[in-house]
Structures are given as C-alpha cells and as structure tokens.
Amino acid sequence: MAVEASRRGFLRSVGIAGGAGMLYSAMGALGLAPVPEVSAEEYRAPRSGDFALSGRSRKKVLVLGGGIAGLATAYELGKAGYDCRILEAKDRPGGRNWTVRGGTTLTDLDGRTQKASFSKGQYMNAGPARLPQSHVTLEYCRELGVPLEVFTNQNANAYIYQENSAALAGKPMRWRTAKADVYGYVSELLAKATDRGSLDKELTATDKERLIAFLQNFGAIKGKADGFAYTGSDRRGYSVEPGAAFEEGTVLGPVPSLSDVVASGVGQRFSFEFGYDQAMLMFQPVGGMDAIPYALAKAVGQDRITYGAKALEVKNLQDGAEVTYQDADGRTRTQRADFVVAAIPPMVMARVKHNLGADVTAALKYPTAVPVGKVGLEYGSRWWETDEHIYGGITPTDMDLSTIWYPSYGYQGRRGTLIGYYNFGANAVAYSDLPHAQRVERAVSRGVKIHGEKYRSELEHAFSVAWHRTPYIEAGWVGWTSQTGPEYQLLNKPAGHVYFAGDWLSHVIAWQHGAFTSARKVVTDIHERVMAA
C-alpha cells in the first residue's frame, strides 16, 4: 500500500509538472493507463407516432432566435409534427455560426459598417470554426448531408511566438522545435533523478527501468553513459532538408540551454493539444461553417422562419404564451403558441419585456458576456505554404492578437485567407475600440514580427468582427461564476410555458455541441410535458 501511495504521489507530481499528456504517457510507461471507452449518450427525437398512439394534438411552438439552439429545437420538434416557427432578428440563420464572404456587411452597435471584399471562394468563419470528433455536431452534419473536411488544429510547422518571455523572446520557434526541446530537457531531468535514486520511494526497481526506457524514447535523450543528456535530434527539424545522393541533411541547431527553454515559457503552450475538445483530428464543413445552419434552416422549412423579427415582449399565459415582435417592415405583430423557447443570448433576453418574474431577469443577467474578436486577412498568394511550409494550424503568441490561424482549405491555391487575430477579454475590447482599418493595421504590425514584411505587403482584403459589438449577439459567449447556483438551475427549468435554450445552458459553452444538447433537453422536456398532459 505504501508503494502504491508513493506511486500515486509520483504520478501527481508528473501531472503538475508536465500536464495531462505527460501524465498519461508516464502511466502508460508504467502499465497503468487503460484505453478509455468513449460513447455518446443516445438521443431519440420525438416521433409523430407518439401523438398517433396517444390521440393528442400537435402543439405550436414559437422559437426566439435562429441560431444553432433555435434551429435544432425547431428541427427536432418538427420531426414529430409540432408546428414550430422561428423568429430571428437577423437576416440569416446561424447566430454566431457565421461565415463571412465577399459582399457580407456588418454594422456594429456603434454604427460603424463594413462590407467584405473577399475574392470568390475565400471566406472566414467569424464564429465557430472547428468541430471535435466527440461532439454531436458531427452527427447532425451526417444527418443533414453536410460534407466535412479536416481542420488542422495543431501543426508541427506552425510557430510559437513569445515576445515578453524571460528568454528566447522575439524569436519565432517552430512548434516541433519547441516541443522537442521541452520534452527532451524534462526527460533528461527526470531520467537523472530516477537513476540517482531520488524516486526510490515512489517507484519499484522495475518501474524505474520502464520509466527510463520511456524517457529515452519520449525525449530523445542519450543513455546512462552519457548522463541521459538531451543534445537535440532531428525532431527539432532541419536547416537543410535530407535529399538525394550524399545530402544527409543538417539538423536544426544550436539547441538552447535548459535554462532558456524553461524561461521562454513555450512549454506552457502544449497543454492546448491535450484538451479534450481540441485534440486532433478536428473537422470543418466544406465551404464554410454556415453550411450547418443553412442545412438546418432548409430542414425546418424556410417558410417557418421569419427574419428581421425583433422580439419586444414575451408573455406567459395560463394556456400558452405569446410573443410580440417588430417585423422587417417595422410593423408590430403578436403571435400565440402553446410554448415559447427563448434561444437568444441571456443578456439580450434580459432586456426583452416579459412577465416571467424578477428572478428570471436577474438570472439572465447573471452570466458574464465575454468579448471576442476575429479578423480575416486575404493574401494574393499562400506564402505561408510556399515560403514557410505551413499547411493549416495555429500559431499562438503572447501578443494582443493572441493567435494566427492558417486556412485548412484551398491548399496550394493561388490565394488564401488566414485569421490574423482571435482574441478575448481586454485584447478583444482594445481592438474593437478601433475602426476596422486600424484593427487591421494593428494586427498586421504584430504579424510582421513573425512572418516578415510579406505579412503586410501581400495583404489584399480584410474583415474584422467584434462579437461583443454585434447586434443581437453582444458576446462571443458567456461565462458563469457558478453553474450549480440558483440562477443556472432556474433557467434550465420552464417559466410557465416559456423555456430557455443555448450553449450558455450547457457545460460545453462556446461550442455548437452545447447548443445542440441544450436544444435536445428542451425538446425532450416539452414533449414529455405534452405527452403527460
């Protein structure tokens, strides 16, 4: 028991020092890591036969918001023959699932307007841009016939750029090079400590042998005779690629010191690829993420969606609910239904007049809106591919642009569009305070530090989005101080005949999966209520 306790302590230390990936690798080396079984909970949408068997009439449902949650609600209820109608304030479906193409226009809450001038075939996914394999979103893509392609989330040839680190600052480092150095030095230190007996209380003699063997492979370090030293390997990359005849290639060097690698902070970036929702493979719809809402809208029925409909008031009634809204022509209209599903952002819903109670208003105001910004930059050539051999992927930075995303479509084409910043919080606010042209100028000035002057000279078109300044959206997503408190619990219940849905009422916030699962919950709740009546 003492050995097992020590072993657990050792593994805990490895997890703290190296993150989940290193912990799992260490467990595997010790024979302690089973392969988990991953399965999605089965969901059965309501069926028309449910009504036929019970003799109940089909109910009418009004859905506020044509984003993913609203569309999914109407789609799933529609399968059972519910009379579902969607009222959407914008002139398109999708909400934050929005793909910007040439001709797209946007007027921010401050009145500033942009019109995208991207070339034919070029686009930016202004909102969601990647789909994990485990998310139910892929199941809807299959069901709706939305074709998919790989989204490259991690790329060994992308860079890590630290401008404010204690060492190696201002030097773009390839992801593969940074990872080789971090893993190499960590392996060297752990192998030395193991060999010197520093972990004898935690590991058996056999465990030590297995761990050292693992570390030699994991970090590409030398053997005991050479002090388990990390001196670099071809994992770092080549300055001259191997070729024909006598060209064996030149391994990239020199290797920075252990102290510099630790001080650079590059190792803090690797936990990203261990994230459950971020691990490769990831996917995207062919031609743009908005293929999903447009497929849903088609399945719901275009005649069942009213665009330009701005909700003014929601009333819970004794025998149903009603919504008063302003249509695209400025006329005020009212519709009644058996149920209403509010699938709009909580801070927006909080301002809609209603009779649902002050506690509902307070709960809607409880989550915090998160500022989020993106800019799409179209270039006349795909220089990141031709000059730097980067085909998709993401470069993280400690600058205010946060990340640069390289496109995962149109490989080896004549032109391409990358994401020049995808930032949050104070950085997103700082960019959004600027006019569009200055946002672009600021982002490009940062990108030049990584990619050189071509990042500026070859730029042809740009479009920026500040979600917190976008009408009827007003945030990239929301954050909860607590999802166990009364506010979260209240909004996951109906207020009379009015229900709430959205990714913000899930534990997968900011992902379409959260919106889909929230919609499924509401659909199930409504249908069970109808069938029990």
Protein backbone atom coordinates (compact mmCIF):
# COMPACT_ATOMS: atom_id res chain seq x y z
CA MET A 1 0.00 0.00 0.00
CA ALA A 2 2.88 2.33 0.74
CA VAL A 3 4.35 1.65 -2.69
CA GLU A 4 1.00 2.38 -4.34
CA ALA A 5 0.60 5.62 -2.36
CA SER A 6 4.09 6.74 -3.36
CA ARG A 7 3.39 5.84 -6.95
CA ARG A 8 0.22 7.96 -6.90
CA GLY A 9 2.22 10.84 -5.45
CA PHE A 10 4.81 10.50 -8.17
CA LEU A 11 2.19 10.49 -10.91
CA ARG A 12 0.53 13.52 -9.35
CA SER A 13 3.86 15.34 -9.47
CA VAL A 14 4.34 14.40 -13.12
CA GLY A 15 0.86 15.72 -13.93
CA ILE A 16 1.54 19.04 -12.21
CA ALA A 17 4.90 19.49 -13.93
CA GLY A 18 4.11 18.27 -17.41
CA GLY A 19 0.37 18.36 -17.86
CA ALA A 20 -2.18 15.72 -18.73
CA GLY A 21 -0.35 14.39 -21.77
CA MET A 22 2.87 13.71 -19.92
CA LEU A 23 0.96 12.19 -17.03
CA TYR A 24 -0.87 9.80 -19.32
CA SER A 25 2.38 8.88 -21.08
CA ALA A 26 4.06 8.16 -17.77
CA MET A 27 1.13 6.00 -16.69
CA GLY A 28 1.34 4.13 -19.97
CA ALA A 29 5.05 3.52 -19.46
CA LEU A 30 4.31 2.02 -16.03
CA GLY A 31 1.48 -0.10 -17.44
CA LEU A 32 -1.18 1.88 -15.59
CA ALA A 33 -3.05 3.63 -18.41
CA PRO A 34 -6.02 1.79 -19.89
CA VAL A 35 -7.60 2.93 -23.12
CA PRO A 36 -10.88 4.70 -22.23
CA GLU A 37 -14.12 3.80 -23.93
CA VAL A 38 -15.82 6.85 -25.41
CA SER A 39 -19.50 6.75 -26.24
CA ALA A 40 -22.15 9.39 -26.78
CA GLU A 41 -25.46 9.23 -24.95
CA GLU A 42 -28.17 8.03 -27.29
CA TYR A 43 -30.85 10.57 -28.10
CA ARG A 44 -34.24 9.78 -29.58
CA ALA A 45 -36.09 12.73 -31.07
CA PRO A 46 -39.88 12.86 -30.63
CA ARG A 47 -41.77 10.97 -33.32
CA SER A 48 -45.12 11.64 -34.93
CA GLY A 49 -46.17 8.16 -33.82
CA ASP A 50 -46.08 9.34 -30.21
CA PHE A 51 -49.11 11.51 -30.92
CA ALA A 52 -50.86 8.90 -33.03
CA LEU A 53 -50.63 6.35 -30.23
CA SER A 54 -51.96 8.75 -27.61
CA GLY A 55 -54.52 10.68 -29.60
CA ARG A 56 -53.04 14.05 -28.60
CA SER A 57 -52.99 17.00 -30.96
CA ARG A 58 -49.77 18.53 -32.17
CA LYS A 59 -48.74 21.69 -30.35
CA LYS A 60 -47.50 25.02 -31.65
CA VAL A 61 -44.06 26.28 -30.55
CA LEU A 62 -42.52 29.70 -31.17
CA VAL A 63 -38.73 29.83 -31.07
CA LEU A 64 -36.92 33.12 -30.48
CA GLY A 65 -33.59 33.04 -32.26
CA GLY A 66 -32.42 31.21 -35.36
CA GLY A 67 -29.01 30.26 -34.05
CA ILE A 68 -27.98 26.63 -33.63
CA ALA A 69 -30.07 26.09 -30.47
CA GLY A 70 -33.18 27.63 -32.00
CA LEU A 71 -32.80 25.81 -35.30
CA ALA A 72 -32.15 22.48 -33.58
CA THR A 73 -35.19 22.94 -31.34
CA ALA A 74 -37.47 23.54 -34.32
CA TYR A 75 -35.84 20.76 -36.32
CA GLU A 76 -36.21 18.11 -33.62
CA LEU A 77 -39.77 19.07 -32.67
CA GLY A 78 -40.66 19.26 -36.34
CA LYS A 79 -39.80 15.59 -36.73
CA ALA A 80 -42.81 14.81 -34.54
CA GLY A 81 -45.07 17.22 -36.38
CA TYR A 82 -45.03 20.11 -33.93
CA ASP A 83 -45.95 23.40 -35.59
CA CYS A 84 -42.69 25.27 -34.99
CA ARG A 85 -41.99 28.84 -36.08
CA ILE A 86 -38.71 30.71 -35.64
CA LEU A 87 -38.44 34.47 -35.14
CA GLU A 88 -34.91 35.65 -35.97
CA ALA A 89 -33.77 39.26 -35.63
CA LYS A 90 -31.04 39.00 -38.25
CA ASP A 91 -31.46 38.39 -41.98
CA ARG A 92 -29.81 34.97 -41.89
CA PRO A 93 -29.79 31.78 -39.82
CA GLY A 94 -26.93 30.69 -37.58
CA GLY A 95 -26.42 33.35 -34.93
CA ARG A 96 -22.72 33.18 -34.06
CA ASN A 97 -22.26 30.47 -36.67
CA TRP A 98 -21.48 33.00 -39.37
CA THR A 99 -19.28 32.67 -42.42
CA VAL A 100 -18.15 35.96 -43.97
CA ARG A 101 -17.74 36.06 -47.75
CA GLY A 102 -17.42 38.76 -50.36
CA GLY A 103 -20.42 41.11 -50.11
CA THR A 104 -21.15 40.37 -46.44
CA THR A 105 -21.97 43.51 -44.45
CA LEU A 106 -21.84 44.21 -40.74
CA THR A 107 -22.90 47.27 -38.76
CA ASP A 108 -21.62 47.30 -35.19
CA LEU A 109 -23.61 48.62 -32.27
CA ASP A 110 -21.62 51.85 -32.56
CA GLY A 111 -22.85 52.35 -36.12
CA ARG A 112 -19.60 51.55 -37.93
CA THR A 113 -20.22 49.48 -41.07
CA GLN A 114 -18.01 47.11 -43.06
CA LYS A 115 -18.55 45.31 -46.34
CA ALA A 116 -16.38 42.28 -47.04
CA SER A 117 -14.47 42.24 -50.32
CA PHE A 118 -13.06 38.72 -50.14
CA SER A 119 -12.43 37.08 -53.51
CA LYS A 120 -14.65 34.30 -54.82
CA GLY A 121 -14.05 31.10 -52.87
CA GLN A 122 -12.43 32.90 -49.94
CA TYR A 123 -14.13 33.17 -46.56
CA MET A 124 -13.61 33.44 -42.83
CA ASN A 125 -15.59 31.61 -40.17
CA ALA A 126 -16.25 34.55 -37.87
CA GLY A 127 -17.66 32.36 -35.11
CA PRO A 128 -17.20 28.61 -34.60
CA ALA A 129 -14.53 27.20 -36.87
CA ARG A 130 -13.71 23.65 -35.72
CA LEU A 131 -15.58 20.51 -34.79
CA PRO A 132 -14.25 17.88 -32.35
CA GLN A 133 -14.87 14.24 -33.18
CA SER A 134 -16.80 13.63 -29.97
CA HIS A 135 -19.34 16.41 -30.48
CA VAL A 136 -22.89 15.69 -31.56
CA THR A 137 -22.47 18.42 -34.18
CA LEU A 138 -20.86 15.82 -36.44
CA GLU A 139 -23.94 13.64 -36.12
CA TYR A 140 -26.09 16.49 -37.38
CA CYS A 141 -23.69 17.04 -40.28
CA ARG A 142 -24.13 13.38 -41.19
CA GLU A 143 -27.92 13.52 -40.83
CA LEU A 144 -28.24 16.75 -42.81
CA GLY A 145 -25.74 15.81 -45.51
CA VAL A 146 -23.18 18.50 -44.67
CA PRO A 147 -19.79 17.38 -46.11
CA LEU A 148 -16.74 17.68 -43.87
CA GLU A 149 -13.01 18.14 -44.25
CA VAL A 150 -10.14 18.10 -41.76
CA PHE A 151 -9.46 21.25 -39.76
CA THR A 152 -5.78 21.36 -38.77
CA ASN A 153 -5.76 22.43 -35.14
CA GLN A 154 -2.14 21.57 -34.37
CA ASN A 155 0.68 21.78 -36.89
CA ALA A 156 4.30 20.93 -36.12
CA ASN A 157 5.39 23.54 -38.66
CA ALA A 158 3.41 26.40 -37.12
CA TYR A 159 5.18 28.74 -34.73
CA ILE A 160 5.14 29.72 -31.09
CA TYR A 161 6.00 33.37 -30.59
CA GLN A 162 6.77 34.79 -27.17
CA GLU A 163 7.55 38.50 -27.12
CA ASN A 164 7.63 39.01 -23.36
CA SER A 165 9.36 35.87 -22.11
CA ALA A 166 12.48 35.88 -19.95
CA ALA A 167 14.45 34.08 -22.68
CA LEU A 168 14.26 33.50 -26.44
CA ALA A 169 11.91 36.47 -26.71
CA GLY A 170 11.08 37.80 -30.17
CA LYS A 171 12.22 34.63 -31.91
CA PRO A 172 9.54 32.61 -33.72
CA MET A 173 10.05 28.96 -32.82
CA ARG A 174 8.51 26.09 -34.75
CA TRP A 175 6.05 24.07 -32.68
CA ARG A 176 8.02 20.88 -33.37
CA THR A 177 11.29 22.50 -32.29
CA ALA A 178 9.85 23.87 -29.07
CA LYS A 179 8.24 20.54 -28.21
CA ALA A 180 11.44 18.59 -28.91
CA ASP A 181 13.44 20.85 -26.58
CA VAL A 182 10.88 20.90 -23.75
CA TYR A 183 10.27 17.15 -23.86
CA GLY A 184 13.98 16.49 -24.21
CA TYR A 185 15.07 18.50 -21.18
CA VAL A 186 12.20 17.32 -18.99
CA SER A 187 13.10 13.74 -19.90
CA GLU A 188 16.76 14.36 -19.10
CA LEU A 189 15.97 15.76 -15.67
CA LEU A 190 13.52 13.01 -14.78
CA ALA A 191 15.85 10.25 -16.00
CA LYS A 192 18.71 11.64 -13.93
CA ALA A 193 16.53 11.93 -10.84
CA THR A 194 15.27 8.39 -11.32
CA ASP A 195 18.74 6.95 -11.85
CA ARG A 196 20.14 8.73 -8.78
CA GLY A 197 17.51 7.18 -6.54
CA SER A 198 15.51 10.34 -5.94
CA LEU A 199 12.29 8.47 -6.71
CA ASP A 200 13.04 5.21 -4.93
CA LYS A 201 10.15 5.77 -2.52
CA GLU A 202 7.76 6.22 -5.40
CA LEU A 203 8.94 3.58 -7.86
CA THR A 204 9.99 -0.05 -7.73
CA ALA A 205 13.22 -1.11 -9.46
CA THR A 206 11.19 -2.43 -12.39
CA ASP A 207 9.19 0.81 -12.56
CA LYS A 208 12.44 2.78 -12.74
CA GLU A 209 13.74 0.70 -15.63
CA ARG A 210 10.48 1.12 -17.51
CA LEU A 211 10.33 4.84 -16.86
CA ILE A 212 13.90 5.48 -18.03
CA ALA A 213 13.28 3.44 -21.18
CA PHE A 214 10.17 5.51 -21.81
CA LEU A 215 12.02 8.79 -21.23
CA GLN A 216 14.79 7.87 -23.65
CA ASN A 217 12.18 7.35 -26.32
CA PHE A 218 9.91 10.24 -25.29
CA GLY A 219 12.63 12.88 -25.07
CA ALA A 220 15.23 11.52 -27.50
CA ILE A 221 17.87 11.62 -24.75
CA LYS A 222 21.14 9.72 -24.56
CA GLY A 223 21.86 6.71 -22.38
CA LYS A 224 23.24 6.46 -18.88
CA ALA A 225 26.84 6.53 -20.09
CA ASP A 226 26.22 9.99 -21.48
CA GLY A 227 24.32 11.21 -18.42
CA PHE A 228 20.94 10.94 -20.16
CA ALA A 229 21.80 14.24 -21.84
CA TYR A 230 19.48 15.97 -24.24
CA THR A 231 21.52 17.40 -27.09
CA GLY A 232 18.85 17.76 -29.75
CA SER A 233 17.75 15.48 -32.57
CA ASP A 234 16.09 15.61 -35.97
CA ARG A 235 12.80 16.07 -34.11
CA ARG A 236 13.76 19.75 -33.94
CA GLY A 237 13.69 19.96 -37.74
CA TYR A 238 16.33 20.63 -40.39
CA SER A 239 18.07 23.74 -41.61
CA VAL A 240 18.95 21.76 -44.76
CA GLU A 241 16.49 19.02 -45.70
CA PRO A 242 17.80 15.50 -46.40
CA GLY A 243 18.00 14.79 -50.11
CA ALA A 244 19.46 12.60 -52.78
CA ALA A 245 22.89 11.02 -53.03
CA PHE A 246 25.15 12.47 -50.32
CA GLU A 247 22.80 15.09 -48.88
CA GLU A 248 22.04 13.68 -45.44
CA GLY A 249 20.58 16.95 -44.24
CA THR A 250 21.58 19.34 -41.48
CA VAL A 251 19.73 19.06 -38.19
CA LEU A 252 18.50 22.38 -36.88
CA GLY A 253 20.71 23.93 -34.22
CA PRO A 254 22.05 25.13 -31.94
CA VAL A 255 19.95 23.77 -29.06
CA PRO A 256 19.16 26.45 -26.46
CA SER A 257 20.09 25.81 -22.86
CA LEU A 258 17.76 24.19 -20.36
CA SER A 259 17.51 27.49 -18.52
CA ASP A 260 16.47 29.36 -21.67
CA VAL A 261 13.90 26.75 -22.65
CA VAL A 262 12.30 26.92 -19.21
CA ALA A 263 12.43 30.72 -19.12
CA SER A 264 10.92 31.02 -22.60
CA GLY A 265 7.63 29.57 -21.39
CA VAL A 266 7.00 27.74 -24.67
CA GLY A 267 6.16 24.56 -22.76
CA GLN A 268 3.02 26.23 -21.44
CA ARG A 269 1.55 26.04 -24.95
CA PHE A 270 1.45 22.27 -25.26
CA SER A 271 -1.45 21.67 -22.87
CA PHE A 272 -3.66 23.11 -25.63
CA GLU A 273 -3.36 19.99 -27.76
CA PHE A 274 -4.21 17.75 -24.79
CA GLY A 275 -7.55 19.48 -24.28
CA TYR A 276 -10.42 17.07 -24.82
CA ASP A 277 -12.20 19.43 -27.21
CA GLN A 278 -9.01 20.50 -29.01
CA ALA A 279 -7.30 17.21 -29.88
CA MET A 280 -6.82 16.21 -33.50
CA LEU A 281 -8.46 15.14 -35.67
CA MET A 282 -10.86 18.06 -35.93
CA PHE A 283 -13.21 18.95 -38.76
CA GLN A 284 -14.98 21.78 -40.55
CA PRO A 285 -17.80 21.83 -43.11
CA VAL A 286 -16.64 22.14 -46.69
CA GLY A 287 -17.14 25.71 -47.92
CA GLY A 288 -17.80 27.34 -44.56
CA MET A 289 -19.22 26.61 -41.11
CA ASP A 290 -22.56 28.19 -42.02
CA ALA A 291 -23.36 25.09 -44.07
CA ILE A 292 -24.74 23.70 -40.79
CA PRO A 293 -27.36 26.40 -40.02
CA TYR A 294 -28.38 26.65 -43.66
CA ALA A 295 -28.94 22.88 -43.76
CA LEU A 296 -30.95 23.10 -40.54
CA ALA A 297 -32.99 26.02 -41.88
CA LYS A 298 -33.79 24.05 -45.02
CA ALA A 299 -34.86 21.05 -42.94
CA VAL A 300 -37.04 23.22 -40.69
CA GLY A 301 -38.60 24.91 -43.72
CA GLN A 302 -37.76 28.41 -44.90
CA ASP A 303 -41.43 29.36 -44.68
CA ARG A 304 -41.28 28.68 -40.94
CA ILE A 305 -38.52 31.21 -40.28
CA THR A 306 -39.27 34.92 -40.08
CA TYR A 307 -36.12 37.04 -40.47
CA GLY A 308 -35.85 40.63 -39.29
CA ALA A 309 -38.16 39.82 -36.38
CA LYS A 310 -37.04 41.69 -33.24
CA ALA A 311 -38.61 40.38 -30.05
CA LEU A 312 -40.27 43.12 -27.97
CA GLU A 313 -42.23 41.20 -25.35
CA VAL A 314 -42.78 37.64 -24.14
CA LYS A 315 -45.83 36.75 -22.06
CA ASN A 316 -46.53 33.56 -20.24
CA LEU A 317 -50.27 32.83 -20.37
CA GLN A 318 -52.45 30.40 -18.46
CA ASP A 319 -52.86 28.19 -21.53
CA GLY A 320 -49.70 29.03 -23.50
CA ALA A 321 -47.50 32.01 -24.33
CA GLU A 322 -47.27 34.87 -26.79
CA VAL A 323 -44.55 36.94 -28.40
CA THR A 324 -44.80 40.49 -29.62
CA TYR A 325 -42.17 41.48 -32.16
CA GLN A 326 -41.31 44.08 -34.76
CA ASP A 327 -41.05 42.68 -38.28
CA ALA A 328 -38.62 43.69 -41.02
CA ASP A 329 -41.01 46.41 -42.20
CA GLY A 330 -41.25 47.97 -38.76
CA ARG A 331 -44.75 46.70 -38.01
CA THR A 332 -45.61 45.33 -34.57
CA ARG A 333 -47.06 41.83 -34.56
CA THR A 334 -48.09 39.30 -31.92
CA GLN A 335 -48.15 35.51 -32.19
CA ARG A 336 -49.51 32.99 -29.71
CA ALA A 337 -48.34 29.42 -29.18
CA ASP A 338 -48.56 26.57 -26.70
CA PHE A 339 -44.89 27.08 -25.83
CA VAL A 340 -42.11 29.59 -26.44
CA VAL A 341 -38.43 28.70 -26.50
CA ALA A 342 -36.09 31.66 -25.99
CA ALA A 343 -32.88 30.64 -27.73
CA ILE A 344 -31.14 34.02 -27.70
CA PRO A 345 -28.21 35.28 -25.61
CA PRO A 346 -29.20 35.77 -21.95
CA MET A 347 -28.16 39.43 -21.75
CA VAL A 348 -30.29 40.15 -24.83
CA MET A 349 -33.27 38.23 -23.45
CA ALA A 350 -32.94 40.10 -20.14
CA ARG A 351 -33.88 43.34 -21.94
CA VAL A 352 -36.96 41.89 -23.60
CA LYS A 353 -40.12 42.87 -21.73
CA HIS A 354 -41.74 39.86 -20.07
CA ASN A 355 -43.91 38.71 -17.19
CA LEU A 356 -41.68 35.81 -16.14
CA GLY A 357 -40.61 37.42 -12.88
CA ALA A 358 -37.75 39.47 -11.48
CA ASP A 359 -35.84 36.32 -10.54
CA VAL A 360 -35.74 35.29 -14.21
CA THR A 361 -34.42 38.71 -15.22
CA ALA A 362 -31.75 38.54 -12.52
CA ALA A 363 -30.75 35.05 -13.62
CA LEU A 364 -30.48 36.16 -17.26
CA LYS A 365 -28.17 38.98 -16.18
CA TYR A 366 -26.02 36.70 -14.01
CA PRO A 367 -23.66 35.19 -16.63
CA THR A 368 -20.87 37.45 -17.89
CA ALA A 369 -20.53 38.36 -21.56
CA VAL A 370 -17.07 37.54 -22.94
CA PRO A 371 -15.65 39.97 -25.54
CA VAL A 372 -14.25 38.11 -28.55
CA GLY A 373 -12.70 39.39 -31.79
CA LYS A 374 -11.51 37.98 -35.11
CA VAL A 375 -10.05 39.38 -38.29
CA GLY A 376 -9.78 37.66 -41.65
CA LEU A 377 -6.82 38.60 -43.85
CA GLU A 378 -6.83 37.62 -47.53
CA TYR A 379 -3.49 37.44 -49.32
CA GLY A 380 -2.68 37.34 -53.00
CA SER A 381 -0.51 34.26 -52.53
CA ARG A 382 -0.31 31.46 -49.99
CA TRP A 383 3.19 32.44 -48.86
CA TRP A 384 2.83 30.55 -45.57
CA GLU A 385 2.74 27.37 -47.67
CA THR A 386 5.28 28.21 -50.36
CA ASP A 387 7.82 30.02 -48.18
CA GLU A 388 7.32 28.53 -44.72
CA HIS A 389 5.76 25.10 -45.37
CA ILE A 390 2.79 25.73 -43.09
CA TYR A 391 -0.34 23.95 -44.24
CA GLY A 392 -3.04 24.81 -41.74
CA GLY A 393 -2.64 25.02 -37.99
CA ILE A 394 -2.35 27.76 -35.40
CA THR A 395 0.49 29.96 -34.15
CA PRO A 396 -0.03 31.02 -30.51
CA THR A 397 1.56 34.23 -29.27
CA ASP A 398 1.73 36.33 -26.11
CA MET A 399 0.87 39.44 -28.15
CA ASP A 400 -2.56 41.07 -28.11
CA LEU A 401 -3.60 39.27 -31.29
CA SER A 402 -3.36 36.00 -29.33
CA THR A 403 -3.34 33.56 -32.25
CA ILE A 404 -2.90 33.37 -36.00
CA TRP A 405 -4.83 30.65 -37.83
CA TYR A 406 -3.75 29.33 -41.23
CA PRO A 407 -6.57 28.15 -43.51
CA SER A 408 -7.46 24.46 -43.64
CA TYR A 409 -8.95 24.71 -47.12
CA GLY A 410 -7.73 25.70 -50.59
CA TYR A 411 -4.27 24.19 -50.14
CA GLN A 412 -1.80 25.14 -52.88
CA GLY A 413 -4.28 27.53 -54.40
CA ARG A 414 -3.41 30.95 -55.75
CA ARG A 415 -4.64 32.94 -52.73
CA GLY A 416 -5.77 32.34 -49.20
CA THR A 417 -7.37 33.86 -46.12
CA LEU A 418 -5.99 33.44 -42.63
CA ILE A 419 -7.26 34.59 -39.26
CA GLY A 420 -4.98 37.44 -38.19
CA TYR A 421 -6.22 37.55 -34.60
CA TYR A 422 -8.60 35.56 -32.48
CA ASN A 423 -8.57 37.21 -29.09
CA PHE A 424 -10.65 37.59 -25.97
CA GLY A 425 -11.26 39.83 -22.99
CA ALA A 426 -9.28 43.06 -22.75
CA ASN A 427 -7.41 42.41 -26.00
CA ALA A 428 -10.67 41.96 -27.91
CA VAL A 429 -12.01 45.19 -26.41
CA ALA A 430 -8.84 47.09 -27.32
CA TYR A 431 -9.13 46.04 -30.96
CA SER A 432 -12.88 46.66 -31.13
CA ASP A 433 -12.41 50.23 -29.90
CA LEU A 434 -10.60 50.94 -33.17
CA PRO A 435 -12.14 51.50 -36.61
CA HIS A 436 -11.79 48.48 -38.88
CA ALA A 437 -8.78 49.80 -40.82
CA GLN A 438 -6.87 50.44 -37.59
CA ARG A 439 -7.73 46.98 -36.27
CA VAL A 440 -6.16 45.51 -39.38
CA GLU A 441 -3.12 47.80 -39.17
CA ARG A 442 -2.56 46.82 -35.54
CA ALA A 443 -2.89 43.10 -36.25
CA VAL A 444 -0.59 43.24 -39.26
CA SER A 445 2.09 45.12 -37.32
CA ARG A 446 2.19 42.18 -34.91
CA GLY A 447 2.14 39.51 -37.58
CA VAL A 448 5.13 41.07 -39.34
CA LYS A 449 7.24 40.18 -36.30
CA ILE A 450 6.62 36.51 -37.02
CA HIS A 451 6.35 36.30 -40.79
CA GLY A 452 8.20 39.36 -42.06
CA GLU A 453 7.19 42.17 -44.38
CA LYS A 454 5.18 39.95 -46.75
CA TYR A 455 2.56 39.81 -43.99
CA ARG A 456 1.88 43.45 -44.83
CA SER A 457 2.85 43.82 -48.49
CA GLU A 458 0.75 40.94 -49.85
CA LEU A 459 -2.43 41.73 -47.93
CA GLU A 460 -5.38 42.44 -50.23
CA HIS A 461 -8.63 42.25 -48.23
CA ALA A 462 -9.68 42.16 -44.59
CA PHE A 463 -12.81 41.91 -42.45
CA SER A 464 -13.00 42.17 -38.66
CA VAL A 465 -15.65 41.07 -36.20
CA ALA A 466 -16.14 42.18 -32.60
CA TRP A 467 -18.81 39.87 -31.27
CA HIS A 468 -19.49 42.00 -28.21
CA ARG A 469 -20.37 44.88 -30.56
CA THR A 470 -22.53 42.78 -32.87
CA PRO A 471 -26.29 43.46 -32.67
CA TYR A 472 -28.47 40.72 -31.16
CA ILE A 473 -25.34 38.72 -30.20
CA GLU A 474 -23.26 41.01 -27.94
CA ALA A 475 -20.62 38.46 -26.89
CA GLY A 476 -18.51 35.63 -28.18
CA TRP A 477 -20.03 33.55 -25.39
CA VAL A 478 -20.87 33.94 -21.72
CA GLY A 479 -19.20 32.70 -18.56
CA TRP A 480 -20.86 31.57 -15.35
CA THR A 481 -19.42 32.21 -11.91
CA SER A 482 -21.35 29.11 -10.91
CA GLN A 483 -23.32 26.51 -12.85
CA THR A 484 -24.55 24.91 -9.64
CA GLY A 485 -26.25 28.00 -8.25
CA PRO A 486 -29.92 29.01 -8.35
CA GLU A 487 -29.58 31.17 -11.46
CA TYR A 488 -28.38 28.32 -13.69
CA GLN A 489 -30.90 25.92 -12.21
CA LEU A 490 -33.77 28.37 -12.71
CA LEU A 491 -33.08 28.93 -16.40
CA ASN A 492 -32.85 25.21 -17.05
CA LYS A 493 -36.50 25.00 -15.99
CA PRO A 494 -39.53 26.43 -17.79
CA ALA A 495 -41.02 29.74 -16.68
CA GLY A 496 -44.58 28.63 -17.18
CA HIS A 497 -44.83 27.89 -20.90
CA VAL A 498 -41.53 29.63 -21.71
CA TYR A 499 -38.29 27.65 -22.00
CA PHE A 500 -34.66 28.73 -22.48
CA ALA A 501 -32.02 27.10 -24.68
CA GLY A 502 -28.48 27.78 -25.83
CA ASP A 503 -24.89 26.71 -25.35
CA TRP A 504 -24.87 29.01 -22.30
CA LEU A 505 -27.17 26.49 -20.61
CA SER A 506 -24.71 23.65 -21.04
CA HIS A 507 -21.29 22.58 -19.82
CA VAL A 508 -19.93 22.94 -23.36
CA ILE A 509 -20.19 26.71 -23.65
CA ALA A 510 -18.90 28.33 -26.87
CA TRP A 511 -19.30 25.08 -28.83
CA GLN A 512 -22.20 24.20 -31.12
CA HIS A 513 -22.38 20.89 -29.27
CA GLY A 514 -23.58 22.84 -26.23
CA ALA A 515 -26.34 24.49 -28.26
CA PHE A 516 -27.44 21.17 -29.76
CA THR A 517 -27.54 19.37 -26.42
CA SER A 518 -29.41 22.23 -24.75
CA ALA A 519 -31.96 22.16 -27.57
CA ARG A 520 -32.36 18.41 -27.16
CA LYS A 521 -33.03 18.84 -23.46
CA VAL A 522 -35.72 21.44 -24.08
CA VAL A 523 -37.27 19.36 -26.85
CA THR A 524 -37.41 16.36 -24.53
CA ASP A 525 -38.87 18.44 -21.68
CA ILE A 526 -41.61 19.90 -23.89
CA HIS A 527 -42.51 16.58 -25.46
CA GLU A 528 -42.67 14.76 -22.13
CA ARG A 529 -44.90 17.53 -20.79
CA VAL A 530 -47.23 17.29 -23.76
CA MET A 531 -47.43 13.51 -23.56
CA ALA A 532 -48.09 13.60 -19.82
CA ALA A 533 -50.93 16.13 -20.09
